[in-house]
Protein backbone atom coordinates (compact mmCIF):
# COMPACT_ATOMS: atom_id res chain seq x y z
CA MET A 1 23.18 9.03 31.24
CA THR A 2 23.73 11.49 28.40
CA ASN A 3 21.35 14.45 28.52
CA PRO A 4 19.36 14.19 25.26
CA LEU A 5 19.45 17.96 24.95
CA ASP A 6 23.25 17.78 24.71
CA LEU A 7 23.34 15.39 21.76
CA PRO A 8 25.43 16.70 18.83
CA PHE A 9 22.66 17.73 16.44
CA ASP A 10 24.05 19.59 13.44
CA VAL A 11 22.00 21.64 10.97
CA LYS A 12 24.34 21.11 8.01
CA GLU A 13 24.37 17.37 8.61
CA MET A 14 20.57 17.33 8.81
CA LEU A 15 20.18 19.23 5.56
CA ILE A 16 22.53 16.79 3.82
CA GLY A 17 20.39 13.92 5.11
CA LEU A 18 17.16 15.65 4.12
CA LYS A 19 18.25 16.39 0.56
CA PRO A 20 17.51 12.91 -0.89
CA TRP A 21 14.22 12.81 1.01
CA ILE A 22 13.01 16.04 -0.56
CA GLU A 23 14.45 15.34 -3.99
CA THR A 24 12.64 12.00 -4.08
CA GLU A 25 9.27 13.46 -5.00
CA SER A 26 6.33 11.42 -3.72
CA PRO A 27 2.83 12.63 -4.66
CA THR A 28 0.15 10.38 -3.23
CA PHE A 29 -1.43 9.30 -6.51
CA ASP A 30 1.92 8.21 -8.00
CA ALA A 31 2.47 4.90 -6.20
CA ALA A 32 5.82 4.28 -7.92
CA ALA A 33 7.10 7.68 -6.77
CA VAL A 34 5.91 7.09 -3.21
CA ASN A 35 7.62 3.70 -3.22
CA ARG A 36 10.89 5.28 -4.32
CA MET A 37 10.58 7.49 -1.23
CA MET A 38 9.89 4.42 0.90
CA ASP A 39 13.07 2.85 -0.55
CA VAL A 40 15.08 5.80 0.75
CA VAL A 41 13.42 5.64 4.18
CA GLN A 42 13.79 1.87 4.39
CA HIS A 43 17.53 2.18 3.73
CA ASP A 44 17.96 4.90 6.36
CA LEU A 45 16.09 2.87 8.98
CA ALA A 46 18.03 -0.29 8.19
CA ALA A 47 21.26 1.68 8.56
CA LEU A 48 20.23 2.39 12.15
CA GLY A 49 19.96 -1.31 12.86
CA ALA A 50 16.17 -1.33 12.85
CA ARG A 51 14.15 -4.37 11.87
CA VAL A 52 12.31 -3.02 8.86
CA GLU A 53 9.12 -4.34 7.26
CA ARG A 54 7.76 -3.26 3.90
CA ILE A 55 3.97 -3.48 3.90
CA PRO A 56 2.57 -3.67 0.35
CA GLY A 57 0.22 -0.92 -0.71
CA ARG A 58 -3.36 -1.42 -1.78
CA MET A 59 -6.06 0.53 -3.63
CA GLY A 60 -3.38 1.42 -6.16
CA LEU A 61 -1.45 3.43 -3.57
CA GLY A 62 2.11 3.10 -2.25
CA ASP A 63 3.67 0.88 0.39
CA SER A 64 4.09 1.53 4.10
CA VAL A 65 7.26 1.04 6.12
CA ARG A 66 7.25 -0.18 9.71
CA ALA A 67 10.49 -0.31 11.68
CA THR A 68 11.23 -1.75 15.10
CA MET A 69 14.10 0.22 16.58
CA PRO A 70 16.93 -1.54 18.46
CA HIS A 71 16.01 -2.03 22.13
CA PRO A 72 16.20 -4.86 24.70
CA ARG A 73 12.39 -5.09 24.51
CA ALA A 74 12.14 -4.39 20.78
CA GLY A 75 8.74 -5.27 19.39
CA GLU A 76 6.83 -4.58 22.57
CA GLY A 77 4.38 -1.71 22.72
CA GLY A 78 5.94 1.59 23.72
CA ILE A 79 6.25 4.74 21.63
CA LEU A 80 4.93 4.93 18.07
CA LEU A 81 6.42 7.50 15.70
CA LEU A 82 3.68 8.01 13.10
CA GLY A 83 4.16 9.97 9.89
CA HIS A 84 3.31 10.05 6.18
CA MET A 85 5.69 10.22 3.24
CA ASP A 86 3.25 11.30 0.52
CA THR A 87 2.95 14.93 -0.56
CA VAL A 88 0.54 17.04 -2.58
CA HIS A 89 3.26 18.16 -5.00
CA PRO A 90 3.36 16.40 -8.40
CA VAL A 91 6.58 15.00 -9.81
CA GLY A 92 8.42 17.89 -11.47
CA THR A 93 7.69 20.41 -8.72
CA LEU A 94 11.41 20.51 -7.92
CA ALA A 95 11.91 22.54 -11.09
CA LYS A 96 9.85 25.35 -9.51
CA LEU A 97 10.56 24.66 -5.86
CA PRO A 98 14.06 23.19 -5.58
CA PHE A 99 15.51 22.03 -2.29
CA LYS A 100 17.65 24.98 -1.25
CA ARG A 101 18.68 26.96 1.79
CA GLU A 102 18.51 30.74 1.82
CA GLY A 103 19.78 32.02 5.14
CA ASP A 104 17.45 30.96 7.93
CA ILE A 105 14.96 29.36 5.53
CA CYS A 106 15.05 26.08 3.62
CA TYR A 107 12.67 25.34 0.74
CA GLY A 108 11.40 22.15 -0.82
CA PRO A 109 8.23 20.22 -1.74
CA GLY A 110 7.02 18.26 1.26
CA LEU A 111 9.74 19.65 3.51
CA MET A 112 7.27 21.18 5.96
CA ASP A 113 4.48 18.64 5.43
CA MET A 114 5.90 16.43 6.68
CA LYS A 115 9.27 15.02 5.64
CA GLY A 116 11.14 17.57 7.77
CA GLY A 117 9.40 16.48 10.97
CA ASN A 118 9.77 12.80 10.14
CA TYR A 119 13.47 13.27 9.47
CA VAL A 120 14.35 15.16 12.65
CA PHE A 121 12.46 12.68 14.83
CA LEU A 122 14.39 9.91 13.11
CA ASP A 123 17.64 11.84 13.53
CA ALA A 124 16.94 11.99 17.26
CA LEU A 125 16.80 8.20 17.33
CA ARG A 126 20.03 8.09 15.32
CA LYS A 127 21.84 10.28 17.83
CA LEU A 128 20.47 8.38 20.84
CA LEU A 129 21.63 5.08 19.38
CA ALA A 130 25.07 6.50 18.56
CA ALA A 131 25.40 7.74 22.16
CA GLY A 132 24.38 4.38 23.56
CA VAL A 133 21.29 5.84 25.25
CA GLU A 134 18.58 3.30 25.98
CA THR A 135 15.09 4.78 25.98
CA PRO A 136 12.72 3.64 28.77
CA LEU A 137 10.25 2.35 26.17
CA PRO A 138 10.92 0.68 22.82
CA VAL A 139 10.18 2.76 19.73
CA THR A 140 8.36 1.68 16.58
CA VAL A 141 8.24 3.81 13.42
CA LEU A 142 5.35 3.69 10.94
CA PHE A 143 5.50 5.73 7.73
CA THR A 144 2.47 5.63 5.43
CA PRO A 145 1.68 6.64 1.80
CA ASP A 146 -1.76 8.23 1.70
CA GLU A 147 -2.42 10.81 4.42
CA GLU A 148 -2.90 13.65 1.94
CA ILE A 149 -6.03 11.99 0.52
CA GLY A 150 -7.57 11.05 3.87
CA THR A 151 -5.69 7.78 4.55
CA PRO A 152 -8.15 5.47 2.75
CA SER A 153 -5.76 2.51 2.48
CA THR A 154 -3.87 2.60 5.80
CA ARG A 155 -6.33 3.72 8.48
CA THR A 156 -6.83 0.15 9.73
CA LEU A 157 -3.06 -0.44 9.74
CA ILE A 158 -2.49 2.76 11.73
CA GLU A 159 -5.22 2.02 14.26
CA THR A 160 -4.14 -1.57 14.77
CA GLU A 161 -0.49 -0.60 15.29
CA ALA A 162 -1.31 2.37 17.51
CA LYS A 163 -3.40 0.29 19.89
CA ARG A 164 -0.25 -1.64 20.85
CA HIS A 165 1.50 1.49 22.13
CA LYS A 166 1.35 3.75 25.16
CA TYR A 167 2.24 6.97 23.36
CA ILE A 168 1.91 8.23 19.79
CA LEU A 169 4.10 11.01 18.38
CA VAL A 170 2.99 12.67 15.13
CA PRO A 171 5.60 15.16 13.81
CA GLU A 172 3.26 17.05 11.51
CA PRO A 173 4.34 20.70 11.12
CA ALA A 174 3.94 22.87 14.20
CA ARG A 175 1.06 25.29 14.52
CA PRO A 176 1.79 28.93 13.52
CA ASP A 177 2.84 29.81 17.07
CA GLY A 178 5.08 26.73 17.26
CA GLY A 179 2.58 24.87 19.44
CA ALA A 180 1.39 21.28 19.41
CA VAL A 181 -2.01 19.87 18.49
CA ILE A 182 -3.94 18.05 21.23
CA GLY A 183 -7.21 17.62 19.35
CA ARG A 184 -8.42 17.92 15.77
CA TYR A 185 -11.63 18.83 14.02
CA ALA A 186 -13.36 16.32 11.80
CA ILE A 187 -12.62 16.28 8.09
CA ALA A 188 -15.16 14.81 5.66
CA ARG A 189 -14.78 14.36 1.92
CA PHE A 190 -17.53 14.07 -0.66
CA ASP A 191 -17.56 12.95 -4.30
CA LEU A 192 -20.09 14.74 -6.51
CA GLN A 193 -21.28 13.98 -10.02
CA THR A 194 -23.78 15.73 -12.24
CA ARG A 195 -25.15 13.93 -15.30
CA GLY A 196 -26.86 15.83 -18.07
CA LYS A 197 -27.56 15.31 -21.77
CA PRO A 198 -24.96 15.67 -24.54
CA SER A 199 -25.45 17.59 -27.74
CA HIS A 200 -23.38 19.47 -30.30
CA ALA A 201 -22.70 22.90 -28.79
CA GLY A 202 -22.75 24.61 -32.18
CA TRP A 203 -25.51 22.82 -34.07
CA ALA A 204 -27.92 21.82 -31.31
CA LEU A 205 -27.08 23.64 -28.10
CA LYS A 206 -30.70 23.78 -26.95
CA ASP A 207 -30.98 19.98 -27.12
CA GLY A 208 -28.26 19.47 -24.50
CA ARG A 209 -28.31 19.77 -20.73
CA SER A 210 -24.94 20.85 -19.33
CA ALA A 211 -23.57 18.91 -16.38
CA ILE A 212 -20.93 21.63 -16.01
CA ALA A 213 -23.49 24.41 -15.68
CA GLU A 214 -25.41 22.50 -13.02
CA MET A 215 -22.28 21.72 -11.03
CA ALA A 216 -21.16 25.35 -11.29
CA LYS A 217 -24.44 26.45 -9.70
CA SER A 218 -23.85 23.98 -6.87
CA VAL A 219 -20.37 25.36 -6.09
CA ALA A 220 -21.77 28.65 -4.85
CA GLN A 221 -24.49 26.84 -2.92
CA ILE A 222 -22.04 24.46 -1.24
CA GLU A 223 -19.42 27.04 -0.31
CA GLY A 224 -22.22 29.32 0.86
CA MET A 225 -22.97 26.82 3.65
CA THR A 226 -19.63 27.66 5.30
CA THR A 227 -19.54 28.99 8.86
CA ASP A 228 -16.64 29.57 11.26
CA ASP A 229 -17.30 26.17 12.83
CA CYS A 230 -18.12 24.10 9.75
CA THR A 231 -16.58 24.84 6.36
CA PHE A 232 -17.19 23.55 2.84
CA SER A 233 -14.73 23.88 -0.04
CA VAL A 234 -14.91 22.61 -3.62
CA GLY A 235 -11.31 21.63 -4.35
CA VAL A 236 -11.60 19.47 -7.49
CA PHE A 237 -13.75 20.12 -10.58
CA ASN A 238 -13.40 17.98 -13.71
CA ALA A 239 -15.50 17.89 -16.86
CA GLY A 240 -15.48 18.13 -20.60
CA GLN A 241 -13.08 17.13 -23.33
CA TRP A 242 -14.45 18.84 -26.45
CA VAL A 243 -15.50 22.48 -26.44
CA ASN A 244 -18.04 21.77 -29.17
CA CYS A 245 -19.88 19.23 -27.00
CA VAL A 246 -22.34 20.01 -24.21
CA SER A 247 -20.81 18.10 -21.31
CA SER A 248 -22.96 15.26 -20.02
CA VAL A 249 -20.84 14.41 -16.94
CA CYS A 250 -19.06 16.59 -14.38
CA ASN A 251 -17.21 15.40 -11.29
CA ALA A 252 -16.21 17.41 -8.23
CA GLU A 253 -14.81 16.83 -4.75
CA VAL A 254 -15.72 18.71 -1.60
CA LEU A 255 -13.85 18.96 1.69
CA SER A 256 -15.70 19.84 4.89
CA MET A 257 -14.23 20.70 8.30
CA ALA A 258 -16.36 20.48 11.43
CA LYS A 259 -15.33 21.38 14.97
CA THR A 260 -17.73 18.95 16.69
CA GLN A 261 -19.38 15.64 15.93
CA ALA A 262 -22.81 17.32 15.89
CA LEU A 263 -21.62 19.82 13.28
CA LEU A 264 -20.08 17.00 11.25
CA ASP A 265 -23.36 15.08 11.27
CA GLU A 266 -25.25 18.23 10.27
CA GLY A 267 -22.79 18.96 7.46
CA VAL A 268 -23.02 15.41 6.12
CA GLU A 269 -26.81 15.67 6.12
CA LYS A 270 -26.65 18.95 4.18
CA MET A 271 -24.31 17.50 1.57
CA LEU A 272 -26.29 14.29 1.08
CA GLY A 273 -29.41 16.45 0.83
CA LEU A 274 -28.05 17.76 -2.48
CA ASN A 275 -28.77 14.40 -4.12
CA SER A 276 -31.39 14.91 -6.79
CA ASP A 277 -32.81 13.04 -9.77
CA GLU A 278 -35.40 15.67 -10.57
CA GLY A 279 -35.15 17.79 -13.68
CA ASP A 280 -32.93 17.26 -16.69
CA VAL A 281 -29.64 16.96 -14.76
CA VAL A 282 -29.02 14.39 -12.03
CA MET A 283 -26.87 15.29 -8.99
CA GLU A 284 -25.27 12.40 -7.11
CA VAL A 285 -23.39 13.00 -3.83
CA ARG A 286 -21.37 10.20 -2.25
CA ARG A 287 -19.63 10.42 1.10
CA GLY A 288 -15.89 9.77 0.96
CA VAL A 289 -13.34 9.14 3.69
CA THR A 290 -13.85 10.92 7.01
CA ARG A 291 -11.44 11.81 9.78
CA PRO A 292 -13.31 11.65 13.09
CA VAL A 293 -13.31 14.41 15.68
CA TRP A 294 -10.43 14.07 18.14
CA GLU A 295 -11.72 15.66 21.31
CA PRO A 296 -9.10 17.72 23.20
CA ASP A 297 -8.10 17.55 26.89
CA GLN A 298 -7.80 13.77 27.12
CA PRO A 299 -5.73 12.95 30.24
CA GLY A 300 -3.03 10.93 28.47
CA THR A 301 -2.53 13.54 25.79
CA MET A 302 -2.47 16.40 28.30
CA LYS A 303 0.21 14.55 30.28
CA MET A 304 2.30 14.32 27.10
CA LEU A 305 1.77 18.02 26.42
CA SER A 306 2.86 18.93 29.93
CA LEU A 307 6.07 16.94 29.47
CA ALA A 308 6.70 18.54 26.07
CA GLN A 309 6.20 21.99 27.59
CA GLU A 310 8.79 21.25 30.28
CA ILE A 311 11.26 20.11 27.64
CA ALA A 312 10.53 23.12 25.42
CA GLN A 313 11.23 25.45 28.32
CA GLU A 314 14.60 23.76 28.84
CA ILE A 315 15.40 24.16 25.15
CA GLY A 316 14.32 27.79 25.21
CA PHE A 317 10.94 28.11 23.55
CA GLU A 318 7.29 28.04 24.58
CA MET A 319 4.98 25.24 23.45
CA THR A 320 1.25 25.80 23.52
CA GLY A 321 -1.39 23.16 22.90
CA ALA A 322 -4.71 23.52 21.10
CA SER A 323 -7.20 21.84 18.80
CA ALA A 324 -6.76 22.47 15.10
CA GLY A 325 -8.25 21.85 11.71
CA GLY A 326 -6.38 20.43 8.76
CA GLY A 327 -6.70 16.79 9.70
CA SER A 328 -3.94 14.25 10.22
CA ASP A 329 -3.53 10.62 11.14
CA GLY A 330 -3.57 11.87 14.73
CA ASN A 331 -7.37 12.16 14.27
CA PHE A 332 -7.56 8.38 14.29
CA THR A 333 -5.36 7.69 17.30
CA GLY A 334 -6.82 10.59 19.28
CA PHE A 335 -10.37 9.47 18.44
CA LEU A 336 -9.48 6.06 19.90
CA GLY A 337 -8.50 7.79 23.15
CA LEU A 338 -4.81 6.93 22.76
CA PRO A 339 -2.32 9.47 24.21
CA THR A 340 -1.29 11.41 21.09
CA LEU A 341 0.87 14.50 20.63
CA ASP A 342 0.50 15.94 17.14
CA SER A 343 2.14 18.79 15.19
CA ILE A 344 5.40 18.62 17.09
CA GLY A 345 7.43 18.76 13.91
CA VAL A 346 9.27 21.62 12.25
CA ARG A 347 8.17 25.23 12.06
CA GLY A 348 7.56 26.79 8.67
CA LYS A 349 5.07 28.28 6.24
CA GLY A 350 3.55 27.69 2.84
CA LEU A 351 2.71 24.01 3.10
CA HIS A 352 0.93 22.71 -0.01
CA THR A 353 2.21 25.71 -2.03
CA LEU A 354 5.20 26.57 -4.19
CA THR A 355 6.69 28.57 -1.30
CA GLU A 356 6.75 25.67 1.16
CA HIS A 357 9.65 26.15 3.57
CA VAL A 358 10.88 25.54 7.10
CA GLU A 359 12.79 27.64 9.57
CA VAL A 360 16.23 26.04 9.68
CA ASP A 361 16.64 26.68 13.41
CA SER A 362 13.62 24.49 14.09
CA LEU A 363 15.43 21.38 12.83
CA VAL A 364 17.73 21.20 15.86
CA GLU A 365 15.04 22.57 18.18
CA ARG A 366 12.61 19.79 17.24
CA ALA A 367 15.28 17.08 17.21
CA LYS A 368 16.13 17.97 20.82
CA LEU A 369 12.43 17.88 21.70
CA ALA A 370 12.14 14.46 20.07
CA ALA A 371 15.20 13.04 21.83
CA ALA A 372 13.95 14.22 25.22
CA LEU A 373 10.46 12.84 24.61
CA TYR A 374 11.90 9.44 23.70
CA CYS A 375 13.95 9.49 26.90
CA ARG A 376 11.28 10.76 29.31
CA LEU A 377 8.07 9.15 28.12
CA GLY A 378 7.56 6.11 30.30
CA ALA A 379 10.48 6.99 32.55
């Protein structure tokens, strides 16, 4: 049998393959853009001989793609490759952050989070198929459209599919030290609205009650609740249309990270405690989507980590394993107790910014890791 670490992975070839993925911009809230990305992925999977299904989107979001890779037992539960194709970068970001290589670094929107990881894990399957290598377990691929907003439309799909499999691989970007994630903190989202009383800001300012002013006071209060183990961040703030009108409605969104379920419950209680209909301005807090705590050190996951560490040593790097914040779809599968290895994708920096990039060397490194995992999981 061909040693998966000896497969002919080629950086230049990978970058050529990645180019259309990165240049097909796919922000979550633009369903048409996400679906154009899914078109590209669907074509690439079909070209590998996979049986590809297009699962229509809902809630106004994009489609998902599920592919059953060629295998004598294709369709049976085995290994699930789980990734998302949506990004936080709006269409037009390429003008400021074009896909380009500069020495050992390659830039592009969504390249690190997480199209790069998805691509190299797919390239590993491509090379295994070309070499005629049959993996011990069949592989299924599921790419989804809404991870960046908490996976509101595909959580059930992910959980249902994952339950069929023995192992779940999530090629989110590697941790700063190159390590994997074996547990994740909870992530909770909240939708806030203040409602005041409108008036003309020039003629009758004293008659109005500003929803903006009340929400602004709450920002300091909310972010002031942050501790090392439970954080609160106001990431969206929308209000007003006319500067000469006292704003009667203001909307905001809050993200909270909690390291334990108890801290999550406490944080939720604090946020919901901000609800108030007293005074001239009403504050309404509604709980949004939540990623549950994925407790670390589960036996199945630790077994996967041990295997990945052996492979990494053979390749020539060290792989650590730890819990992390940030949230991913691994929260769901790990919460269910399913063996899940997360953040085994490419190494890089600047995700969600206009400096997002990957270390080019990590493309081959992670493709080798992927190929070996496919060949040794279940062996």
